[in-house]
Amino acid sequence: MSIIQFPKDMKWGVATASYQIEGAVKEHGRGESIWDTFSKTPGKVVNGDNGDVACDSYHRYQEDIAIMKDLGVDYYRFSVAWPRIFPNGTGEINQEGLNYYHNLVDTLLENGIEPMCTLYHWDLPQALQDKGGWDNRETIEAFVAYAEVMFKQFEGKIKNWITFNEPWCVSFLSNFIGAHAPGFQNLELAMNVAHHLMIAHGKTVIKFRELNTTGQIGYAPNVEWNEPYSNKQEDIDACKRANAWFIEWFFEPVFKGTYPQFMVEWFEKKGARLNIQDGDMEIINQPIDFLGINYYTGSVGRFAEGEGLFDQEKVDKGYQKTDIGWNIYPEGFYNVLCYIKEQYGDVPIYITENGSCYNDEPVNGEVKDEGRLNYLKQHLISLERSMQSGVNIKGYLTWSLLDNFEWAEGYTMRFGIVHVNYRTLERTKKDSFYWYKQTISNNFFEI
């Protein structure tokens, strides 16, 4: 038997997102978001599901915080619904929306839980999308104005800020692949949306510093790991492109003030050009206090001409998969964390999302989610390996506290360590909850 031991100052937490759990989409002055629109567009979300009620955490946040207190977490990562603060994206502030987040944050602090606030987890006000959304540079200024209100309102109460969650999803998944709101399929559009997101990130960091805001600020890109099938150069290059789509494209502008030239040239071959204006890269290239990393899956890949965007195909080596069909690939977690340290230095890292989809239901009041429990063990072993290898890990937040609205999958895919009955909204702690609770309490686990 081996013990996987974590440092005494390791921070533990759970993560959620506003549209996925809050519900109450028409209450207390909240405006419409692009996900309200997208989820109600026929054919976009499984079963026509939407976030109108979700987990009803807007009304049940005290119950959910009591669950977190029992779990023993240090951090709760949540996101703010921009349309609750500015129903039209700009203009008049909605005080009732601010009140909700003040109540949430005050209750967290009363229970000894540090809030980690994500300013943008995908719910762009529809009023801004109607004017071009993230393709319109005016949205950048609107976001910075919204962020400034949040920094001033929560000064001293929220000390951990994330500008953007998964900019790859906001740009490429949503505007090139088209699977998420607003659902476009245009590579150049997606590239320029990504660029504008990173400018908004940089300007928000600048604003945070100008205001002398207490605390730390970073962003939370999602990463995957593509391991070359062989040592052939064409396999190595194909996987390098696939990895760079997630890593270099969103890291190099922040850490080095440039885009990876080999990717710029590749996209140009595909007919897509970046629209960079004078000063953009300097704005993006702001020092950050920490890096959030979201990791779920990875794969082995090889060169295949004409396959996908990068002439790369995935090779299924018989991986076990979660219920959403994603490979369980904990080695990729270790590899990608070591790669990030190698490329970008000793930046402090919080794992802001890591988790798995298993659709186990309660039986006699218990949820035996052995698959999720094993997934957590495997990935925490990889995390501890990375720490032993010198990666500067500060904390780990699992996705997610609650089963919730899983975007285009609706309510068909469950990622929570707490089961939610979507009819009654009853919460049931799963076996993974109790295992994670014990791990947090001990700061180690046995294998």
Protein backbone atom coordinates (compact mmCIF):
# COMPACT_ATOMS: atom_id res chain seq x y z
CA MET A 1 0.00 0.00 0.00
CA SER A 2 1.28 3.47 -0.93
CA ILE A 3 0.38 6.84 0.55
CA ILE A 4 -0.12 9.86 -1.72
CA GLN A 5 0.73 12.79 0.56
CA PHE A 6 0.10 16.46 -0.20
CA PRO A 7 1.83 19.51 1.33
CA LYS A 8 0.38 21.07 4.48
CA ASP A 9 -0.50 24.29 2.63
CA MET A 10 -2.37 22.49 -0.19
CA LYS A 11 -5.76 24.12 -0.86
CA TRP A 12 -8.81 22.04 -1.74
CA GLY A 13 -12.07 23.09 -3.33
CA VAL A 14 -14.99 22.57 -5.67
CA ALA A 15 -16.15 24.51 -8.72
CA THR A 16 -19.44 25.45 -10.40
CA ALA A 17 -20.69 27.96 -12.97
CA SER A 18 -23.61 30.38 -12.85
CA TYR A 19 -25.74 29.24 -15.80
CA GLN A 20 -25.21 25.59 -14.91
CA ILE A 21 -26.55 25.80 -11.36
CA GLU A 22 -28.33 29.06 -10.55
CA GLY A 23 -31.65 28.95 -12.39
CA ALA A 24 -33.86 31.97 -11.66
CA VAL A 25 -33.14 33.32 -15.13
CA LYS A 26 -36.00 35.83 -15.07
CA GLU A 27 -35.77 36.88 -11.42
CA HIS A 28 -34.62 40.10 -9.80
CA GLY A 29 -33.75 41.95 -12.97
CA ARG A 30 -31.43 39.45 -14.64
CA GLY A 31 -31.11 40.01 -18.39
CA GLU A 32 -30.89 37.32 -21.06
CA SER A 33 -27.62 35.59 -21.86
CA ILE A 34 -26.51 33.87 -25.04
CA TRP A 35 -27.13 30.55 -23.30
CA ASP A 36 -30.78 31.45 -22.67
CA THR A 37 -31.08 32.02 -26.41
CA PHE A 38 -28.97 29.07 -27.55
CA SER A 39 -30.59 26.50 -25.24
CA LYS A 40 -34.04 27.49 -26.51
CA THR A 41 -33.03 27.16 -30.16
CA PRO A 42 -34.38 23.80 -31.41
CA GLY A 43 -31.72 21.14 -31.90
CA LYS A 44 -28.92 22.87 -29.98
CA VAL A 45 -29.25 21.13 -26.59
CA VAL A 46 -30.15 17.50 -25.89
CA ASN A 47 -33.86 17.10 -25.09
CA GLY A 48 -34.34 20.86 -25.49
CA ASP A 49 -33.06 21.32 -21.94
CA ASN A 50 -32.22 24.78 -20.60
CA GLY A 51 -30.94 26.48 -17.45
CA ASP A 52 -34.20 28.13 -16.39
CA VAL A 53 -34.19 26.16 -13.12
CA ALA A 54 -30.95 24.15 -13.27
CA CYS A 55 -30.09 23.24 -9.64
CA ASP A 56 -31.99 26.28 -8.30
CA SER A 57 -28.83 27.28 -6.45
CA TYR A 58 -29.95 30.92 -6.67
CA HIS A 59 -32.51 30.05 -3.99
CA ARG A 60 -30.62 27.13 -2.39
CA TYR A 61 -27.13 28.60 -2.05
CA GLN A 62 -27.25 28.30 1.75
CA GLU A 63 -27.97 24.58 1.48
CA ASP A 64 -25.15 24.20 -1.03
CA ILE A 65 -22.70 26.09 1.18
CA ALA A 66 -23.67 23.85 4.11
CA ILE A 67 -22.75 20.87 1.91
CA MET A 68 -19.39 22.50 1.15
CA LYS A 69 -18.76 23.16 4.84
CA ASP A 70 -19.38 19.49 5.56
CA LEU A 71 -16.98 18.60 2.74
CA GLY A 72 -14.30 20.76 4.38
CA VAL A 73 -13.15 22.76 1.34
CA ASP A 74 -10.87 25.80 1.49
CA TYR A 75 -12.15 27.31 -1.79
CA TYR A 76 -15.41 27.57 -3.68
CA ARG A 77 -14.99 28.60 -7.28
CA PHE A 78 -18.19 30.08 -8.69
CA SER A 79 -18.94 32.39 -11.58
CA VAL A 80 -20.96 35.57 -11.81
CA ALA A 81 -23.72 35.88 -14.36
CA TRP A 82 -22.84 39.10 -16.15
CA PRO A 83 -26.53 39.68 -17.08
CA ARG A 84 -27.42 39.72 -13.36
CA ILE A 85 -25.10 42.71 -12.88
CA PHE A 86 -25.70 44.47 -16.21
CA PRO A 87 -28.91 43.10 -17.77
CA ASN A 88 -27.97 44.71 -21.11
CA GLY A 89 -24.24 44.18 -20.75
CA THR A 90 -23.63 47.89 -20.12
CA GLY A 91 -25.53 50.82 -18.65
CA GLU A 92 -27.40 50.63 -15.39
CA ILE A 93 -26.23 48.30 -12.63
CA ASN A 94 -28.82 45.83 -11.32
CA GLN A 95 -28.47 46.10 -7.54
CA GLU A 96 -30.56 43.00 -6.87
CA GLY A 97 -28.08 40.94 -8.87
CA LEU A 98 -25.20 42.34 -6.84
CA ASN A 99 -27.12 41.61 -3.64
CA TYR A 100 -27.33 37.92 -4.54
CA TYR A 101 -23.56 37.62 -4.90
CA HIS A 102 -22.96 39.65 -1.74
CA ASN A 103 -25.19 37.23 0.17
CA LEU A 104 -23.42 34.25 -1.41
CA VAL A 105 -19.93 35.58 -0.62
CA ASP A 106 -20.84 36.67 2.92
CA THR A 107 -22.25 33.21 3.66
CA LEU A 108 -19.13 31.53 2.26
CA LEU A 109 -16.89 33.69 4.44
CA GLU A 110 -19.06 33.05 7.52
CA ASN A 111 -18.48 29.34 6.92
CA GLY A 112 -14.72 29.66 6.52
CA ILE A 113 -14.72 29.13 2.74
CA GLU A 114 -12.68 31.42 0.47
CA PRO A 115 -14.53 32.54 -2.67
CA MET A 116 -12.74 32.16 -6.00
CA CYS A 117 -14.71 34.21 -8.51
CA THR A 118 -14.80 33.66 -12.26
CA LEU A 119 -15.96 36.81 -14.03
CA TYR A 120 -16.82 35.08 -17.31
CA HIS A 121 -18.04 31.51 -17.54
CA TRP A 122 -19.81 31.87 -20.87
CA ASP A 123 -23.02 33.78 -20.11
CA LEU A 124 -22.48 36.82 -22.33
CA PRO A 125 -25.45 39.22 -22.19
CA GLN A 126 -27.57 38.63 -25.29
CA ALA A 127 -27.81 42.40 -25.80
CA LEU A 128 -24.05 42.44 -26.48
CA GLN A 129 -24.22 39.42 -28.78
CA ASP A 130 -26.84 41.31 -30.79
CA LYS A 131 -24.13 43.93 -31.44
CA GLY A 132 -21.55 41.36 -32.57
CA GLY A 133 -20.57 39.77 -29.27
CA TRP A 134 -16.87 39.05 -28.79
CA ASP A 135 -16.20 39.84 -32.44
CA ASN A 136 -17.00 43.47 -31.58
CA ARG A 137 -14.23 45.26 -29.69
CA GLU A 138 -16.85 47.28 -27.80
CA THR A 139 -17.56 44.09 -25.84
CA ILE A 140 -14.00 44.27 -24.47
CA GLU A 141 -14.71 47.67 -22.92
CA ALA A 142 -18.07 46.49 -21.59
CA PHE A 143 -16.37 43.53 -19.89
CA VAL A 144 -13.71 45.71 -18.25
CA ALA A 145 -16.43 48.05 -16.94
CA TYR A 146 -18.32 45.06 -15.50
CA ALA A 147 -15.10 43.72 -13.93
CA GLU A 148 -14.37 47.11 -12.38
CA VAL A 149 -17.77 47.11 -10.66
CA MET A 150 -17.07 43.64 -9.27
CA PHE A 151 -13.59 44.56 -8.03
CA LYS A 152 -14.91 47.63 -6.22
CA GLN A 153 -18.01 45.93 -4.82
CA PHE A 154 -16.14 42.93 -3.42
CA GLU A 155 -12.86 44.57 -2.38
CA GLY A 156 -11.44 42.62 0.55
CA LYS A 157 -14.16 39.96 0.38
CA ILE A 158 -13.17 38.16 -2.82
CA LYS A 159 -9.39 37.79 -3.03
CA ASN A 160 -9.13 35.24 -5.85
CA TRP A 161 -10.25 36.36 -9.30
CA ILE A 162 -10.36 34.56 -12.64
CA THR A 163 -11.03 36.65 -15.74
CA PHE A 164 -12.06 33.97 -18.25
CA ASN A 165 -12.95 30.32 -18.04
CA GLU A 166 -11.77 28.21 -20.97
CA PRO A 167 -11.22 30.79 -23.70
CA TRP A 168 -10.75 27.92 -26.18
CA CYS A 169 -14.39 26.94 -25.60
CA VAL A 170 -15.62 30.54 -25.83
CA SER A 171 -13.83 30.98 -29.15
CA PHE A 172 -13.21 27.78 -31.11
CA LEU A 173 -15.84 25.44 -29.64
CA SER A 174 -18.51 28.13 -29.85
CA ASN A 175 -17.59 29.98 -33.06
CA PHE A 176 -15.73 27.41 -35.19
CA ILE A 177 -17.08 24.00 -34.15
CA GLY A 178 -20.40 25.62 -33.27
CA ALA A 179 -21.33 23.25 -30.44
CA HIS A 180 -21.82 26.01 -27.84
CA ALA A 181 -23.44 29.44 -27.84
CA PRO A 182 -23.60 31.42 -30.04
CA GLY A 183 -23.08 28.45 -32.37
CA PHE A 184 -21.19 29.85 -35.38
CA GLN A 185 -18.83 27.86 -37.64
CA ASN A 186 -16.16 30.23 -38.92
CA LEU A 187 -12.46 29.72 -38.18
CA GLU A 188 -11.40 33.33 -38.68
CA LEU A 189 -14.26 34.55 -36.51
CA ALA A 190 -13.20 32.11 -33.78
CA MET A 191 -9.58 33.28 -33.96
CA ASN A 192 -10.57 36.92 -33.60
CA VAL A 193 -12.99 36.14 -30.79
CA ALA A 194 -10.09 34.40 -29.01
CA HIS A 195 -7.88 37.45 -29.57
CA HIS A 196 -10.51 39.83 -28.23
CA LEU A 197 -11.00 37.63 -25.16
CA MET A 198 -7.29 37.83 -24.43
CA ILE A 199 -7.31 41.62 -24.84
CA ALA A 200 -10.24 41.79 -22.41
CA HIS A 201 -8.27 39.59 -20.03
CA GLY A 202 -5.21 41.87 -20.26
CA LYS A 203 -7.23 45.06 -19.81
CA THR A 204 -8.98 43.55 -16.81
CA VAL A 205 -5.66 42.65 -15.18
CA ILE A 206 -4.49 46.23 -15.81
CA LYS A 207 -7.69 47.56 -14.19
CA PHE A 208 -7.23 45.20 -11.22
CA ARG A 209 -3.73 46.64 -10.67
CA GLU A 210 -4.83 50.27 -11.18
CA LEU A 211 -7.46 49.86 -8.48
CA ASN A 212 -4.94 48.24 -6.11
CA THR A 213 -7.44 45.45 -5.63
CA THR A 214 -6.62 43.13 -2.74
CA GLY A 215 -5.78 39.59 -3.77
CA GLN A 216 -4.67 37.75 -6.88
CA ILE A 217 -5.86 37.45 -10.45
CA GLY A 218 -5.39 34.92 -13.24
CA TYR A 219 -7.31 33.06 -15.93
CA ALA A 220 -8.37 29.43 -16.44
CA PRO A 221 -7.65 27.89 -19.85
CA ASN A 222 -8.67 24.30 -20.57
CA VAL A 223 -5.94 21.98 -21.75
CA GLU A 224 -5.71 18.51 -23.24
CA TRP A 225 -2.69 16.35 -23.97
CA ASN A 226 -2.03 14.72 -27.34
CA GLU A 227 0.78 12.16 -27.14
CA PRO A 228 2.42 11.22 -30.47
CA TYR A 229 1.69 7.65 -31.51
CA SER A 230 5.28 7.20 -32.71
CA ASN A 231 8.54 9.11 -32.86
CA LYS A 232 7.95 9.92 -36.53
CA GLN A 233 8.31 13.67 -37.05
CA GLU A 234 4.93 13.88 -38.78
CA ASP A 235 3.22 12.35 -35.72
CA ILE A 236 5.11 14.66 -33.38
CA ASP A 237 4.20 17.71 -35.48
CA ALA A 238 0.52 16.74 -35.73
CA CYS A 239 0.25 16.39 -31.96
CA LYS A 240 2.21 19.59 -31.44
CA ARG A 241 -0.43 21.46 -33.46
CA ALA A 242 -3.30 19.79 -31.60
CA ASN A 243 -1.77 20.64 -28.22
CA ALA A 244 -0.93 24.20 -29.25
CA TRP A 245 -4.56 24.86 -30.13
CA PHE A 246 -5.27 24.62 -26.39
CA ILE A 247 -1.92 25.58 -24.84
CA GLU A 248 0.37 27.84 -26.88
CA TRP A 249 -2.47 29.75 -28.55
CA PHE A 250 -3.79 30.95 -25.17
CA PHE A 251 -0.56 30.92 -23.13
CA GLU A 252 2.06 32.57 -25.35
CA PRO A 253 0.19 35.89 -25.71
CA VAL A 254 -0.07 36.16 -21.90
CA PHE A 255 3.38 34.89 -20.98
CA LYS A 256 5.44 35.95 -24.01
CA GLY A 257 3.44 38.66 -25.80
CA THR A 258 3.27 36.71 -29.08
CA TYR A 259 1.24 34.08 -30.87
CA PRO A 260 3.03 30.85 -31.87
CA GLN A 261 4.21 31.54 -35.40
CA PHE A 262 3.83 27.96 -36.61
CA MET A 263 0.14 28.12 -35.64
CA VAL A 264 -0.39 31.54 -37.24
CA GLU A 265 1.02 30.11 -40.49
CA TRP A 266 -1.09 26.96 -40.20
CA PHE A 267 -4.29 28.95 -39.74
CA GLU A 268 -3.35 31.19 -42.68
CA LYS A 269 -3.05 28.04 -44.82
CA LYS A 270 -6.64 27.36 -43.78
CA GLY A 271 -7.65 30.85 -44.94
CA ALA A 272 -7.96 32.43 -41.49
CA ARG A 273 -6.04 35.56 -40.47
CA LEU A 274 -5.72 37.32 -37.14
CA ASN A 275 -6.69 40.97 -36.89
CA ILE A 276 -4.06 42.34 -34.48
CA GLN A 277 -4.04 46.08 -33.86
CA ASP A 278 -1.17 48.18 -32.51
CA GLY A 279 -0.76 47.70 -28.78
CA ASP A 280 -2.88 44.54 -28.53
CA MET A 281 -0.05 42.20 -27.62
CA GLU A 282 1.36 44.53 -24.97
CA ILE A 283 -2.08 44.66 -23.34
CA ILE A 284 -2.42 40.88 -23.28
CA ASN A 285 1.13 40.37 -21.97
CA GLN A 286 0.35 41.32 -18.35
CA PRO A 287 1.90 39.49 -15.40
CA ILE A 288 -0.66 37.32 -13.66
CA ASP A 289 -0.62 36.00 -10.10
CA PHE A 290 -1.67 32.45 -10.86
CA LEU A 291 -2.77 30.18 -13.65
CA GLY A 292 -5.96 28.13 -13.48
CA ILE A 293 -5.83 24.82 -15.33
CA ASN A 294 -8.87 22.79 -16.39
CA TYR A 295 -8.04 19.24 -17.44
CA TYR A 296 -10.35 16.33 -18.22
CA THR A 297 -8.92 14.16 -20.98
CA GLY A 298 -6.30 13.51 -23.60
CA SER A 299 -5.31 10.96 -26.20
CA VAL A 300 -2.67 9.52 -28.47
CA GLY A 301 -2.62 10.95 -31.98
CA ARG A 302 -0.88 10.51 -35.31
CA PHE A 303 -0.55 12.27 -38.62
CA ALA A 304 -3.41 11.72 -41.05
CA GLU A 305 -3.52 14.05 -44.04
CA GLY A 306 -6.80 15.90 -44.35
CA GLU A 307 -8.07 14.70 -40.99
CA GLY A 308 -9.61 17.52 -38.97
CA LEU A 309 -8.10 20.97 -38.66
CA PHE A 310 -4.55 19.73 -37.95
CA ASP A 311 -4.04 16.61 -40.12
CA GLN A 312 -4.23 14.52 -36.99
CA GLU A 313 -6.30 11.51 -36.00
CA LYS A 314 -6.86 10.07 -32.53
CA VAL A 315 -5.74 6.50 -31.86
CA ASP A 316 -7.93 4.66 -29.40
CA LYS A 317 -5.63 2.36 -27.46
CA GLY A 318 -8.54 0.80 -25.62
CA TYR A 319 -8.89 3.55 -23.05
CA GLN A 320 -11.54 3.35 -20.40
CA LYS A 321 -13.99 6.19 -20.94
CA THR A 322 -16.32 8.20 -18.78
CA ASP A 323 -20.05 8.26 -19.52
CA ILE A 324 -19.65 11.30 -21.77
CA GLY A 325 -17.22 9.28 -23.90
CA TRP A 326 -13.99 11.03 -22.90
CA ASN A 327 -10.78 9.03 -22.49
CA ILE A 328 -9.53 8.54 -18.94
CA TYR A 329 -5.96 9.68 -19.42
CA PRO A 330 -4.30 10.67 -16.13
CA GLU A 331 -0.82 10.42 -17.69
CA GLY A 332 -1.83 13.35 -19.87
CA PHE A 333 -2.53 15.39 -16.74
CA TYR A 334 1.04 14.82 -15.53
CA ASN A 335 2.50 15.46 -18.98
CA VAL A 336 0.65 18.70 -19.62
CA LEU A 337 1.49 20.16 -16.21
CA CYS A 338 5.18 19.38 -16.66
CA TYR A 339 5.06 20.84 -20.17
CA ILE A 340 3.50 24.08 -18.91
CA LYS A 341 6.24 24.44 -16.29
CA GLU A 342 8.91 23.74 -18.91
CA GLN A 343 7.49 26.31 -21.35
CA TYR A 344 6.24 29.07 -19.03
CA GLY A 345 8.26 28.78 -15.84
CA ASP A 346 7.36 28.49 -12.20
CA VAL A 347 3.92 30.11 -12.34
CA PRO A 348 1.65 29.21 -9.39
CA ILE A 349 -1.07 26.84 -10.61
CA TYR A 350 -4.52 26.02 -9.26
CA ILE A 351 -6.32 23.11 -10.83
CA THR A 352 -9.59 24.98 -11.31
CA GLU A 353 -11.45 22.05 -12.89
CA ASN A 354 -10.85 18.30 -13.03
CA GLY A 355 -13.57 15.72 -12.87
CA SER A 356 -15.56 13.07 -14.65
CA CYS A 357 -19.01 12.20 -15.92
CA TYR A 358 -20.72 9.16 -14.45
CA ASN A 359 -24.49 8.95 -14.51
CA ASP A 360 -25.01 6.84 -11.38
CA GLU A 361 -28.38 7.23 -9.68
CA PRO A 362 -29.25 6.89 -5.99
CA VAL A 363 -30.11 3.43 -4.69
CA ASN A 364 -31.52 3.32 -1.16
CA GLY A 365 -30.26 6.85 -0.59
CA GLU A 366 -26.69 6.12 -1.71
CA VAL A 367 -24.84 6.90 -4.94
CA LYS A 368 -22.08 4.37 -5.60
CA ASP A 369 -20.05 6.30 -8.18
CA GLU A 370 -16.97 4.09 -8.16
CA GLY A 371 -15.90 5.32 -11.61
CA ARG A 372 -15.65 8.94 -10.43
CA LEU A 373 -13.89 7.92 -7.25
CA ASN A 374 -11.26 6.01 -9.24
CA TYR A 375 -10.90 8.91 -11.69
CA LEU A 376 -10.19 11.30 -8.81
CA LYS A 377 -7.60 8.94 -7.34
CA GLN A 378 -5.81 8.49 -10.67
CA HIS A 379 -5.70 12.21 -11.39
CA LEU A 380 -4.63 13.19 -7.90
CA ILE A 381 -1.75 10.70 -8.21
CA SER A 382 -0.74 12.44 -11.44
CA LEU A 383 -1.08 15.82 -9.71
CA GLU A 384 1.16 14.75 -6.85
CA ARG A 385 3.66 13.33 -9.37
CA SER A 386 3.77 16.72 -11.06
CA MET A 387 4.39 18.40 -7.70
CA GLN A 388 7.25 15.99 -7.02
CA SER A 389 8.58 16.99 -10.45
CA GLY A 390 8.66 20.66 -9.47
CA VAL A 391 5.33 21.97 -10.80
CA ASN A 392 4.14 24.79 -8.53
CA ILE A 393 0.67 23.50 -7.61
CA LYS A 394 -1.15 25.59 -5.01
CA GLY A 395 -4.55 23.94 -4.99
CA TYR A 396 -7.01 21.51 -6.55
CA LEU A 397 -10.71 22.18 -7.19
CA THR A 398 -12.77 19.32 -8.53
CA TRP A 399 -15.54 19.75 -11.07
CA SER A 400 -18.19 19.78 -9.88
CA LEU A 401 -19.92 20.24 -6.56
CA LEU A 402 -23.32 19.45 -8.10
CA ASP A 403 -24.72 17.59 -11.03
CA ASN A 404 -25.90 20.41 -13.28
CA PHE A 405 -26.87 21.71 -16.71
CA GLU A 406 -24.07 20.29 -18.85
CA TRP A 407 -24.28 22.79 -21.71
CA ALA A 408 -25.14 21.14 -25.04
CA GLU A 409 -25.66 17.81 -23.22
CA GLY A 410 -28.45 19.30 -21.11
CA TYR A 411 -29.21 17.24 -18.02
CA THR A 412 -28.06 13.92 -19.49
CA MET A 413 -24.47 14.06 -18.17
CA ARG A 414 -23.61 14.21 -14.47
CA PHE A 415 -20.26 15.57 -13.23
CA GLY A 416 -21.14 16.28 -9.58
CA ILE A 417 -19.88 14.72 -6.38
CA VAL A 418 -23.40 15.55 -5.16
CA HIS A 419 -26.36 14.07 -7.03
CA VAL A 420 -29.22 16.42 -7.93
CA ASN A 421 -32.71 15.10 -8.59
CA TYR A 422 -33.81 17.54 -11.28
CA ARG A 423 -37.48 16.98 -10.48
CA THR A 424 -37.38 17.49 -6.70
CA LEU A 425 -33.96 19.30 -6.57
CA GLU A 426 -32.97 17.03 -3.68
CA ARG A 427 -29.20 16.80 -3.12
CA THR A 428 -27.59 13.41 -2.31
CA LYS A 429 -23.90 13.13 -1.45
CA LYS A 430 -22.17 10.48 -3.55
CA ASP A 431 -19.46 8.04 -2.47
CA SER A 432 -16.95 10.30 -4.25
CA PHE A 433 -18.03 13.14 -1.95
CA TYR A 434 -17.18 11.11 1.14
CA TRP A 435 -13.85 9.97 -0.32
CA TYR A 436 -12.91 13.52 -1.27
CA LYS A 437 -13.96 14.73 2.19
CA GLN A 438 -11.62 12.21 3.81
CA THR A 439 -8.78 13.13 1.46
CA ILE A 440 -9.21 16.85 2.27
CA SER A 441 -9.29 16.11 5.99
CA ASN A 442 -6.19 13.88 5.90
CA ASN A 443 -4.30 15.69 3.14
CA PHE A 444 -3.40 12.25 1.81
CA PHE A 445 -4.97 9.03 0.55
CA GLU A 446 -3.89 5.42 0.28
CA ILE A 447 -3.66 3.34 -2.89
